[in-house]
Amino acid sequence: MVNNKVTQIIAANPKACYRTLYNMLDSAGLADYEPLLAAARPNCGYSCDGDDGPDPDTGITGCPVSGRCEP
């Protein structure tokens, strides 16, 4: 049941970055969501804030999922 709720939250937020989803799932009080979150956002390199410059593969500065710098 928890996995279903995690999957629903991730699917409902297709452009949310890893950090945003992590905070949403944590705030919802769900447990054991890290593996599903990691599988949903495999390109997350924790460079969401853009301080590392553009991604060498995509050319995007910040989050490769949302396409913007995340807090």
Protein backbone atom coordinates (compact mmCIF):
# COMPACT_ATOMS: atom_id res chain seq x y z
CA MET A 1 0.00 0.00 0.00
CA VAL A 2 2.85 2.41 0.82
CA ASN A 3 4.56 1.67 -2.50
CA ASN A 4 1.32 2.47 -4.31
CA LYS A 5 1.05 5.87 -2.57
CA VAL A 6 4.73 6.61 -3.32
CA THR A 7 4.23 5.70 -6.98
CA GLN A 8 1.12 7.89 -7.15
CA ILE A 9 2.93 10.92 -5.70
CA ILE A 10 5.88 10.48 -8.07
CA ALA A 11 3.58 10.02 -11.09
CA ALA A 12 1.53 13.07 -10.13
CA ASN A 13 4.68 15.22 -10.12
CA PRO A 14 6.57 14.27 -13.30
CA LYS A 15 8.70 17.43 -13.36
CA ALA A 16 9.50 17.56 -9.63
CA CYS A 17 13.16 17.15 -8.77
CA TYR A 18 14.48 14.46 -6.44
CA ARG A 19 14.78 16.85 -3.48
CA THR A 20 11.23 18.15 -3.92
CA LEU A 21 9.81 14.63 -4.15
CA TYR A 22 11.90 13.50 -1.18
CA ASN A 23 10.45 16.31 0.92
CA MET A 24 6.91 15.55 -0.26
CA LEU A 25 7.21 11.85 0.53
CA ASP A 26 8.85 12.52 3.87
CA SER A 27 6.15 15.05 4.81
CA ALA A 28 3.49 12.49 3.91
CA GLY A 29 4.97 10.19 6.55
CA LEU A 30 5.71 7.42 4.08
CA ALA A 31 8.49 4.91 4.71
CA ASP A 32 10.86 2.96 2.47
CA TYR A 33 10.39 5.28 -0.51
CA GLU A 34 14.07 5.84 -1.29
CA PRO A 35 14.46 2.92 -3.73
CA LEU A 36 11.38 3.95 -5.72
CA LEU A 37 12.46 7.58 -5.71
CA ALA A 38 15.98 6.69 -6.86
CA ALA A 39 14.55 4.57 -9.68
CA ALA A 40 12.24 7.40 -10.73
CA ARG A 41 15.04 10.00 -10.76
CA PRO A 42 18.16 8.08 -11.87
CA ASN A 43 19.85 11.19 -13.28
CA CYS A 44 19.82 13.07 -10.00
CA GLY A 45 23.32 14.19 -9.19
CA TYR A 46 22.42 16.60 -6.41
CA SER A 47 23.48 19.54 -8.57
CA CYS A 48 19.98 20.98 -8.40
CA ASP A 49 21.11 24.41 -7.30
CA GLY A 50 23.12 24.98 -10.49
CA ASP A 51 26.42 25.69 -8.74
CA ASP A 52 28.13 22.94 -10.74
CA GLY A 53 27.32 24.56 -14.07
CA PRO A 54 25.53 22.84 -16.94
CA ASP A 55 25.26 19.07 -17.10
CA PRO A 56 27.81 17.78 -19.61
CA ASP A 57 25.27 15.44 -21.25
CA THR A 58 22.15 17.61 -21.35
CA GLY A 59 23.53 21.15 -21.14
CA ILE A 60 20.91 21.96 -18.50
CA THR A 61 21.96 23.99 -15.49
CA GLY A 62 20.30 22.70 -12.35
CA CYS A 63 17.90 19.79 -12.12
CA PRO A 64 17.86 17.49 -15.16
CA VAL A 65 14.20 16.65 -14.48
CA SER A 66 12.63 20.04 -13.81
CA GLY A 67 15.04 21.93 -16.07
CA ARG A 68 15.58 24.70 -13.53
CA CYS A 69 17.68 25.45 -10.48
CA GLU A 70 16.07 24.02 -7.39
CA PRO A 71 16.45 25.33 -3.82
